[in-house]
Amino acid sequence: MKKNSVTQMKFIYDGDGRRVKSEAYTNGVLTETILFIGAHYEVKGNEITKYYFAGTTRVAMRKYIVPQTTTLTYLIGDHLGSTSLAVDATTGAVTETRYKAWGEVRYTTPNKTLPTRFTFTSQYSYVADDATDLGSAGFGLMFYQSRFYDPSLGRFTQADSIVPNPFNSQDWDRYSYVQNSPLKYTDPTGHDAKCSIQCQPLDVLNMGKLSKRGKDLYRTYIKMWNNADGWWWTTYGGDGAFTIDEFMAINWHYEQANFGNLDEYNAAVKNAAASWSAHACKNATFSCDLSSAEGSLNFLGYYSQSAQGRANKCGSKPCDIEKVFNYTEWDKESASTLVAGIHGMSPTTEFETGDWFSVGNVSMNEEVYRKMMRKGWVGKVVGGNDPMIILTYCQATFAWWAIAQGNKNHSRPSSYINARNYAGFCG
């Protein structure tokens, strides 16, 4: 490999095409020679490095300086297998490196370098950066066994000699890297994109434990998971994952967005979840265990009209998922906190009269809720023509009683909304 006709690097390969030796030059003068024995052993002058693996994952290295110095380092990778942390086994000192999506280094521990040149997706780096001891001596490429990759371009520098899957249009771009999906795939050989740990959703749910609405929501989640260009991957997928809890948080966000006081809203939803788990699905054939993903998803399908609507559009039908789940500016932590709170609820019947308990649109039971609003018997009201309301426990049970009485007696439920009946519930 030459720059301006001056040799920078030479590589020697064995009969099977495996790299066995590299020579680095500065101004045409040999400055470094490294011998490679597979992926497990390197010799550089009086320095010997051994690598230890758990399956195909490089987990530790031991470096010997002949005649006597030895250092053991644990290597901790991210979901793509990139070397992210190097921990000295003796001192506990940590060196951290973070990467951009296509492999460029975006952060390293100041004044420290990784003890190995196996960096992004555990491939050997010849990039001039602060992550390794190469520093400015690198030439900007990474060694991917059969060819070199440029992380600054997100492209290989040589055309692939094979088309791994002729039925995949991405594979006909002979220079493309991992089908242009670097958060999901790696390429151990330089020939073929392989699934990283996140090529399938982490949350594979038991369909037998889902209600009909829960199944439609889960199918919608899978469609979102498979859409790597969706804004939800940008918002949540930095760690290579988009989980079912994050999907539920997005749905709850649309509900939360109408309310200024999220503490009151969250309390109402969590209390309703506990009551639902104890009563509404007592004899259900699906899961009501709120600590499980299945139970929480079933509750979302039962409770949230907007989530039901999105699942109806996308669960079992083709849909434009990015139009159904339109992006809005929001604090993702608030809805995630609500999901975690629902997971922590236990079935209970113990509620105080004034506990925040239920949230809904007035249009759900319009004549009852509008009469309660006129009389000032609704905890919180937000919105205009079809406002959202938060009810206390006594207000919710009073409204449901009136609706039940109307159905039972074939009369208007609002006829039961009066001061005497209200006092029987709310004092």
Protein backbone atom coordinates (compact mmCIF):
# COMPACT_ATOMS: atom_id res chain seq x y z
CA MET A 1 0.00 0.00 0.00
CA LYS A 2 1.53 3.30 -1.13
CA LYS A 3 0.88 7.01 -0.74
CA ASN A 4 2.47 9.42 -3.20
CA SER A 5 4.51 6.45 -4.48
CA VAL A 6 5.98 5.88 -1.00
CA THR A 7 5.28 2.53 0.69
CA GLN A 8 3.22 2.81 3.85
CA MET A 9 2.20 -0.76 4.51
CA LYS A 10 2.84 -4.27 3.22
CA PHE A 11 0.76 -7.37 3.89
CA ILE A 12 1.75 -10.99 3.45
CA TYR A 13 -0.88 -13.74 3.15
CA ASP A 14 -0.71 -17.52 3.32
CA GLY A 15 -2.00 -19.91 0.68
CA ASP A 16 -5.55 -19.66 2.03
CA GLY A 17 -5.60 -15.87 1.79
CA ARG A 18 -5.21 -15.23 5.51
CA ARG A 19 -3.08 -12.32 6.68
CA VAL A 20 0.07 -13.61 8.43
CA LYS A 21 2.32 -10.56 8.44
CA SER A 22 2.14 -6.79 8.20
CA GLU A 23 4.97 -4.29 7.76
CA ALA A 24 4.54 -0.56 8.48
CA TYR A 25 6.82 2.06 6.93
CA THR A 26 7.50 5.70 7.71
CA ASN A 27 9.06 7.71 4.90
CA GLY A 28 9.93 4.41 3.26
CA VAL A 29 11.71 3.03 6.35
CA LEU A 30 10.40 -0.15 8.03
CA THR A 31 9.19 0.80 11.52
CA GLU A 32 6.93 -2.07 12.61
CA THR A 33 6.47 -5.75 11.86
CA ILE A 34 3.60 -7.85 13.23
CA LEU A 35 3.15 -11.59 12.80
CA PHE A 36 -0.39 -12.99 13.01
CA ILE A 37 -1.41 -16.54 13.86
CA GLY A 38 -5.13 -16.57 13.15
CA ALA A 39 -7.14 -14.25 15.38
CA HIS A 40 -5.57 -15.55 18.60
CA TYR A 41 -1.89 -14.62 18.55
CA GLU A 42 0.28 -11.65 17.55
CA VAL A 43 4.02 -11.03 17.77
CA LYS A 44 5.43 -7.49 17.48
CA GLY A 45 9.13 -7.29 18.29
CA ASN A 46 9.51 -8.41 21.93
CA GLU A 47 5.75 -8.06 22.54
CA ILE A 48 3.44 -11.08 22.36
CA THR A 49 -0.35 -10.79 22.53
CA LYS A 50 -2.79 -13.66 23.12
CA TYR A 51 -6.55 -13.26 22.70
CA TYR A 52 -9.21 -15.26 24.52
CA PHE A 53 -12.66 -15.96 23.08
CA ALA A 54 -16.10 -16.98 24.33
CA GLY A 55 -17.44 -18.60 21.19
CA THR A 56 -16.73 -16.03 18.46
CA THR A 57 -16.54 -13.07 20.88
CA ARG A 58 -13.12 -11.71 21.90
CA VAL A 59 -13.38 -11.24 25.68
CA ALA A 60 -9.83 -10.79 26.97
CA MET A 61 -6.21 -10.38 25.96
CA ARG A 62 -2.89 -11.03 27.64
CA LYS A 63 0.13 -9.02 26.56
CA TYR A 64 3.66 -10.22 27.32
CA ILE A 65 6.73 -8.01 27.08
CA VAL A 66 9.68 -10.37 26.85
CA PRO A 67 11.30 -11.31 29.16
CA GLN A 68 8.89 -10.82 32.09
CA THR A 69 6.10 -8.18 31.99
CA THR A 70 2.53 -9.45 31.51
CA THR A 71 -0.79 -7.60 31.46
CA LEU A 72 -4.29 -9.12 31.40
CA THR A 73 -7.10 -6.96 30.02
CA TYR A 74 -10.81 -7.74 29.76
CA LEU A 75 -12.50 -6.56 26.57
CA ILE A 76 -16.17 -5.59 26.70
CA GLY A 77 -18.09 -5.11 23.49
CA ASP A 78 -21.33 -3.46 22.43
CA HIS A 79 -24.18 -5.19 20.59
CA LEU A 80 -22.10 -5.26 17.39
CA GLY A 81 -19.06 -6.76 19.09
CA SER A 82 -17.08 -3.51 18.90
CA THR A 83 -14.45 -3.10 21.60
CA SER A 84 -16.06 -0.47 23.82
CA LEU A 85 -14.34 -0.97 27.17
CA ALA A 86 -10.92 -2.32 28.08
CA VAL A 87 -10.54 -3.10 31.80
CA ASP A 88 -7.13 -3.74 33.33
CA ALA A 89 -7.46 -6.92 35.41
CA THR A 90 -4.91 -5.72 37.98
CA THR A 91 -5.74 -2.04 38.49
CA GLY A 92 -9.34 -1.92 37.32
CA ALA A 93 -8.48 1.04 35.08
CA VAL A 94 -11.00 1.45 32.26
CA THR A 95 -10.40 2.73 28.75
CA GLU A 96 -13.58 3.57 26.84
CA THR A 97 -14.16 4.01 23.12
CA ARG A 98 -17.45 4.92 21.45
CA TYR A 99 -18.27 4.70 17.76
CA LYS A 100 -20.47 6.42 15.23
CA ALA A 101 -22.93 4.29 13.26
CA TRP A 102 -20.51 3.50 10.42
CA GLY A 103 -17.45 2.93 12.59
CA GLU A 104 -15.69 6.22 13.07
CA VAL A 105 -14.53 6.86 16.63
CA ARG A 106 -16.59 9.56 18.37
CA TYR A 107 -15.04 9.35 21.85
CA THR A 108 -12.05 7.86 23.63
CA THR A 109 -10.94 8.19 27.23
CA PRO A 110 -8.63 11.23 27.27
CA ASN A 111 -4.92 10.41 27.12
CA LYS A 112 -5.57 6.67 26.83
CA THR A 113 -5.68 4.19 23.97
CA LEU A 114 -7.14 0.71 23.70
CA PRO A 115 -4.55 -2.02 24.17
CA THR A 116 -5.74 -3.66 20.94
CA ARG A 117 -6.32 -2.59 17.36
CA PHE A 118 -9.42 -4.79 17.09
CA THR A 119 -12.03 -2.03 17.37
CA PHE A 120 -15.27 -1.50 15.43
CA THR A 121 -17.22 -4.79 15.09
CA SER A 122 -14.01 -6.42 16.35
CA GLN A 123 -12.17 -5.81 13.06
CA TYR A 124 -8.56 -4.71 12.84
CA SER A 125 -8.13 -0.95 12.57
CA TYR A 126 -5.53 0.91 10.55
CA VAL A 127 -7.39 4.21 11.05
CA ALA A 128 -5.51 7.31 12.18
CA ASP A 129 -7.38 8.19 15.38
CA ASP A 130 -6.91 8.31 19.14
CA ALA A 131 -8.45 4.91 19.83
CA THR A 132 -5.30 2.79 19.31
CA ASP A 133 -1.56 3.09 19.51
CA LEU A 134 -1.40 3.75 15.75
CA GLY A 135 -2.32 7.39 16.26
CA SER A 136 -1.50 9.44 13.15
CA ALA A 137 0.42 6.53 11.61
CA GLY A 138 -2.81 4.92 10.37
CA PHE A 139 -3.96 5.11 6.77
CA GLY A 140 -7.72 5.37 7.31
CA LEU A 141 -8.95 1.83 6.58
CA MET A 142 -10.03 -1.26 8.49
CA PHE A 143 -9.08 -4.84 7.62
CA TYR A 144 -12.14 -7.05 7.00
CA GLN A 145 -10.31 -10.27 6.09
CA SER A 146 -11.04 -10.24 2.35
CA ARG A 147 -10.93 -6.48 1.69
CA PHE A 148 -10.60 -3.08 3.36
CA TYR A 149 -13.36 -0.84 4.69
CA ASP A 150 -13.40 2.97 5.01
CA PRO A 151 -15.49 4.02 8.05
CA SER A 152 -15.41 7.67 7.00
CA LEU A 153 -17.27 6.75 3.79
CA GLY A 154 -19.23 3.78 5.10
CA ARG A 155 -18.06 1.82 2.06
CA PHE A 156 -15.60 -0.92 1.16
CA THR A 157 -12.65 0.16 -0.93
CA GLN A 158 -12.75 -2.92 -3.18
CA ALA A 159 -15.73 -4.51 -4.90
CA ASP A 160 -17.00 -7.73 -3.36
CA SER A 161 -15.86 -10.75 -5.33
CA ILE A 162 -19.21 -12.49 -4.72
CA VAL A 163 -22.91 -11.57 -4.57
CA PRO A 164 -23.99 -13.22 -1.29
CA ASN A 165 -27.72 -13.12 -2.01
CA PRO A 166 -28.74 -12.37 -5.61
CA PHE A 167 -32.36 -11.96 -4.48
CA ASN A 168 -31.43 -9.02 -2.23
CA SER A 169 -30.96 -5.80 -4.23
CA GLN A 170 -28.62 -4.40 -1.55
CA ASP A 171 -26.10 -7.17 -2.29
CA TRP A 172 -25.74 -6.03 -5.90
CA ASP A 173 -24.01 -2.88 -4.64
CA ARG A 174 -20.57 -4.47 -4.47
CA TYR A 175 -19.10 -1.68 -2.32
CA SER A 176 -21.93 -1.29 0.21
CA TYR A 177 -21.33 -2.13 3.85
CA VAL A 178 -23.76 -4.52 5.64
CA GLN A 179 -26.67 -3.73 3.31
CA ASN A 180 -26.48 -0.13 4.52
CA SER A 181 -27.79 -1.13 7.98
CA PRO A 182 -24.76 -0.73 10.28
CA LEU A 183 -26.76 -0.78 13.52
CA LYS A 184 -28.09 -4.26 12.84
CA TYR A 185 -25.42 -6.14 10.93
CA THR A 186 -21.74 -6.95 10.98
CA ASP A 187 -19.50 -8.43 8.27
CA PRO A 188 -16.93 -10.81 9.78
CA THR A 189 -15.48 -11.90 6.42
CA GLY A 190 -15.92 -8.85 4.19
CA HIS A 191 -18.29 -10.85 1.99
CA ASP A 192 -21.65 -11.15 3.73
CA ALA A 193 -23.69 -9.18 6.29
CA LYS A 194 -24.49 -11.22 9.38
CA CYS A 195 -27.02 -10.64 12.11
CA SER A 196 -25.71 -8.97 15.21
CA ILE A 197 -27.39 -9.76 18.55
CA GLN A 198 -30.21 -7.37 17.59
CA CYS A 199 -31.19 -8.76 14.17
CA GLN A 200 -34.30 -10.09 15.83
CA PRO A 201 -36.33 -8.28 18.50
CA LEU A 202 -35.21 -9.00 22.03
CA ASP A 203 -38.84 -9.23 23.08
CA VAL A 204 -40.31 -12.35 21.49
CA LEU A 205 -43.67 -12.62 23.18
CA ASN A 206 -45.90 -15.63 23.81
CA MET A 207 -48.83 -15.12 21.44
CA GLY A 208 -50.97 -17.46 23.55
CA LYS A 209 -50.77 -14.95 26.41
CA LEU A 210 -51.94 -12.00 24.32
CA SER A 211 -55.49 -10.75 23.89
CA LYS A 212 -56.73 -9.96 20.38
CA ARG A 213 -55.81 -6.30 20.85
CA GLY A 214 -52.50 -7.32 22.40
CA LYS A 215 -51.70 -9.43 19.32
CA ASP A 216 -52.46 -6.54 16.97
CA LEU A 217 -50.23 -4.25 19.04
CA TYR A 218 -47.42 -6.84 19.02
CA ARG A 219 -47.65 -7.22 15.22
CA THR A 220 -47.48 -3.44 14.96
CA TYR A 221 -44.35 -3.44 17.14
CA ILE A 222 -42.71 -5.99 14.82
CA LYS A 223 -43.46 -3.78 11.81
CA MET A 224 -41.88 -0.81 13.57
CA TRP A 225 -38.89 -2.93 14.59
CA ASN A 226 -38.34 -3.96 10.99
CA ASN A 227 -38.45 -0.36 9.76
CA ALA A 228 -34.86 0.69 10.45
CA ASP A 229 -35.48 4.14 8.94
CA GLY A 230 -38.25 4.99 11.39
CA TRP A 231 -37.73 7.88 13.81
CA TRP A 232 -38.21 5.44 16.71
CA TRP A 233 -34.85 3.83 15.86
CA THR A 234 -33.23 7.26 15.95
CA THR A 235 -34.89 8.01 19.30
CA TYR A 236 -34.38 4.64 20.99
CA GLY A 237 -32.05 2.55 18.84
CA GLY A 238 -28.69 4.02 19.80
CA ASP A 239 -27.90 0.84 21.71
CA GLY A 240 -28.99 -1.30 18.75
CA ALA A 241 -32.30 -2.22 20.34
CA PHE A 242 -35.92 -1.12 20.06
CA THR A 243 -37.80 -2.94 22.80
CA ILE A 244 -41.46 -3.68 23.42
CA ASP A 245 -41.34 -1.37 26.46
CA GLU A 246 -40.12 1.45 24.23
CA PHE A 247 -42.96 0.68 21.80
CA MET A 248 -45.44 0.92 24.68
CA ALA A 249 -43.82 4.18 25.83
CA ILE A 250 -44.44 5.70 22.39
CA ASN A 251 -48.12 4.74 22.56
CA TRP A 252 -48.49 6.09 26.10
CA HIS A 253 -46.80 9.31 25.03
CA TYR A 254 -49.64 10.12 22.65
CA GLU A 255 -52.01 9.76 25.61
CA GLN A 256 -49.80 11.79 27.97
CA ALA A 257 -49.29 14.64 25.54
CA ASN A 258 -52.63 16.25 26.40
CA PHE A 259 -51.87 16.67 30.09
CA GLY A 260 -49.61 19.16 31.77
CA ASN A 261 -49.35 17.33 35.08
CA LEU A 262 -47.85 13.96 34.21
CA ASP A 263 -47.70 12.84 37.84
CA GLU A 264 -51.50 12.95 38.10
CA TYR A 265 -51.94 11.29 34.72
CA ASN A 266 -49.42 8.54 35.46
CA ALA A 267 -50.99 7.85 38.86
CA ALA A 268 -54.44 7.49 37.26
CA VAL A 269 -53.19 5.05 34.62
CA LYS A 270 -51.20 2.93 37.08
CA ASN A 271 -54.14 2.69 39.49
CA ALA A 272 -56.43 1.72 36.61
CA ALA A 273 -53.91 -0.96 35.58
CA ALA A 274 -53.91 -2.46 39.06
CA SER A 275 -57.71 -2.53 39.15
CA TRP A 276 -57.90 -4.02 35.64
CA SER A 277 -55.47 -6.78 36.63
CA ALA A 278 -57.52 -7.61 39.74
CA HIS A 279 -61.03 -7.39 38.32
CA ALA A 280 -61.60 -6.74 34.63
CA CYS A 281 -59.64 -9.77 33.41
CA LYS A 282 -60.08 -12.06 36.40
CA ASN A 283 -61.23 -15.02 34.25
CA ALA A 284 -59.37 -14.01 31.10
CA THR A 285 -57.51 -16.57 29.00
CA PHE A 286 -54.74 -14.05 28.28
CA SER A 287 -52.08 -12.67 30.62
CA CYS A 288 -53.02 -10.02 33.17
CA ASP A 289 -49.58 -10.07 34.82
CA LEU A 290 -48.51 -6.43 34.60
CA SER A 291 -44.89 -7.32 35.37
CA SER A 292 -44.72 -9.18 32.04
CA ALA A 293 -44.57 -7.62 28.59
CA GLU A 294 -47.65 -9.61 27.57
CA GLY A 295 -49.76 -8.33 30.48
CA SER A 296 -48.72 -4.71 30.05
CA LEU A 297 -49.37 -4.88 26.31
CA ASN A 298 -52.83 -6.36 26.92
CA PHE A 299 -53.62 -3.51 29.33
CA LEU A 300 -52.45 -0.92 26.78
CA GLY A 301 -54.79 -2.48 24.20
CA TYR A 302 -57.68 -2.46 26.67
CA TYR A 303 -57.16 1.03 28.07
CA SER A 304 -55.87 3.25 25.25
CA GLN A 305 -58.29 4.08 22.43
CA SER A 306 -55.55 5.67 20.35
CA ALA A 307 -53.34 2.58 20.68
CA GLN A 308 -56.31 0.45 19.65
CA GLY A 309 -56.77 2.65 16.58
CA ARG A 310 -53.14 2.38 15.52
CA ALA A 311 -53.14 -1.39 16.04
CA ASN A 312 -56.34 -1.72 13.97
CA LYS A 313 -54.65 0.14 11.11
CA CYS A 314 -51.37 -1.77 11.19
CA GLY A 315 -51.68 -4.98 13.21
CA SER A 316 -53.00 -7.30 10.50
CA LYS A 317 -53.02 -4.92 7.53
CA PRO A 318 -50.47 -3.15 5.34
CA CYS A 319 -50.02 0.43 6.50
CA ASP A 320 -47.75 3.44 6.24
CA ILE A 321 -46.24 2.96 9.68
CA GLU A 322 -44.51 6.35 9.74
CA LYS A 323 -47.81 8.16 9.10
CA VAL A 324 -49.61 6.14 11.76
CA PHE A 325 -46.82 6.84 14.27
CA ASN A 326 -46.03 10.45 13.46
CA TYR A 327 -43.10 12.00 15.25
CA THR A 328 -43.60 14.73 17.84
CA GLU A 329 -41.05 16.41 20.07
CA TRP A 330 -41.21 14.82 23.49
CA ASP A 331 -39.35 13.67 26.55
CA LYS A 332 -38.99 9.93 26.02
CA GLU A 333 -38.16 9.37 29.68
CA SER A 334 -41.60 10.40 30.95
CA ALA A 335 -43.51 7.72 29.04
CA SER A 336 -40.81 5.15 29.78
CA THR A 337 -41.28 5.92 33.48
CA LEU A 338 -45.01 5.22 33.11
CA VAL A 339 -44.33 1.83 31.48
CA ALA A 340 -41.95 0.91 34.30
CA GLY A 341 -44.58 2.00 36.82
CA ILE A 342 -47.23 -0.22 35.22
CA HIS A 343 -44.83 -3.17 35.38
CA GLY A 344 -44.49 -2.55 39.12
CA MET A 345 -48.21 -2.46 39.93
CA SER A 346 -49.85 -5.28 41.88
CA PRO A 347 -53.54 -6.28 41.58
CA THR A 348 -55.42 -4.43 44.31
CA THR A 349 -58.88 -3.29 45.35
CA GLU A 350 -57.65 -0.72 47.88
CA PHE A 351 -58.12 2.81 46.57
CA GLU A 352 -58.84 6.02 48.40
CA THR A 353 -61.83 8.09 47.30
CA GLY A 354 -59.65 10.88 45.95
CA ASP A 355 -57.00 8.72 44.23
CA TRP A 356 -56.43 9.60 40.57
CA PHE A 357 -57.88 6.61 38.82
CA SER A 358 -59.09 6.92 35.23
CA VAL A 359 -58.31 8.89 32.07
CA GLY A 360 -60.46 9.14 28.94
CA ASN A 361 -62.15 11.16 26.22
CA VAL A 362 -65.49 12.73 27.06
CA SER A 363 -66.90 11.26 23.83
CA MET A 364 -66.55 7.74 25.30
CA ASN A 365 -69.62 8.36 27.49
CA GLU A 366 -70.49 11.86 26.45
CA GLU A 367 -73.80 12.59 28.18
CA VAL A 368 -72.56 11.26 31.54
CA TYR A 369 -69.19 13.03 31.52
CA ARG A 370 -70.53 16.32 30.16
CA LYS A 371 -73.17 16.48 32.89
CA MET A 372 -70.51 15.70 35.50
CA MET A 373 -68.34 18.48 34.02
CA ARG A 374 -71.18 20.99 34.20
CA LYS A 375 -71.64 20.15 37.86
CA GLY A 376 -67.89 20.37 38.54
CA TRP A 377 -67.57 16.68 39.37
CA VAL A 378 -64.58 15.89 37.16
CA GLY A 379 -61.05 16.02 38.53
CA LYS A 380 -59.19 17.46 35.51
CA VAL A 381 -60.34 18.61 32.08
CA VAL A 382 -58.00 19.25 29.15
CA GLY A 383 -59.02 20.19 25.61
CA GLY A 384 -61.94 21.65 23.67
CA ASN A 385 -64.77 19.92 21.79
CA ASP A 386 -63.84 16.39 22.85
CA PRO A 387 -61.83 17.04 26.02
CA MET A 388 -59.70 14.54 27.92
CA ILE A 389 -60.56 14.08 31.59
CA ILE A 390 -58.88 12.60 34.63
CA LEU A 391 -61.25 11.16 37.25
CA THR A 392 -60.68 10.28 40.86
CA TYR A 393 -61.57 6.79 42.07
CA CYS A 394 -65.00 7.81 43.42
CA GLN A 395 -65.80 9.85 40.29
CA ALA A 396 -64.92 6.93 38.02
CA THR A 397 -66.98 4.41 39.97
CA PHE A 398 -69.89 6.88 40.09
CA ALA A 399 -69.81 7.36 36.30
CA TRP A 400 -69.57 3.63 35.65
CA TRP A 401 -72.46 2.98 38.07
CA ALA A 402 -74.63 5.53 36.23
CA ILE A 403 -73.82 3.93 32.89
CA ALA A 404 -74.61 0.46 34.26
CA GLN A 405 -77.91 1.68 35.73
CA GLY A 406 -78.91 3.20 32.42
CA ASN A 407 -78.15 -0.04 30.57
CA LYS A 408 -79.95 -2.11 33.17
CA ASN A 409 -83.10 0.03 33.26
CA HIS A 410 -83.10 1.04 29.57
CA SER A 411 -82.90 4.66 30.57
CA ARG A 412 -80.55 7.57 30.01
CA PRO A 413 -77.40 7.16 32.17
CA SER A 414 -77.21 10.92 32.68
CA SER A 415 -80.51 10.80 34.60
CA TYR A 416 -78.58 9.22 37.47
CA ILE A 417 -76.06 12.07 37.62
CA ASN A 418 -77.39 14.05 40.58
CA ALA A 419 -76.11 15.37 43.88
CA ARG A 420 -77.67 12.66 46.03
CA ASN A 421 -76.20 9.79 44.01
CA TYR A 422 -72.82 11.54 43.73
CA ALA A 423 -72.68 12.00 47.50
CA GLY A 424 -73.16 8.25 47.92
CA PHE A 425 -69.86 7.69 46.12
CA CYS A 426 -67.79 10.75 46.78
CA GLY A 427 -69.25 12.08 50.04
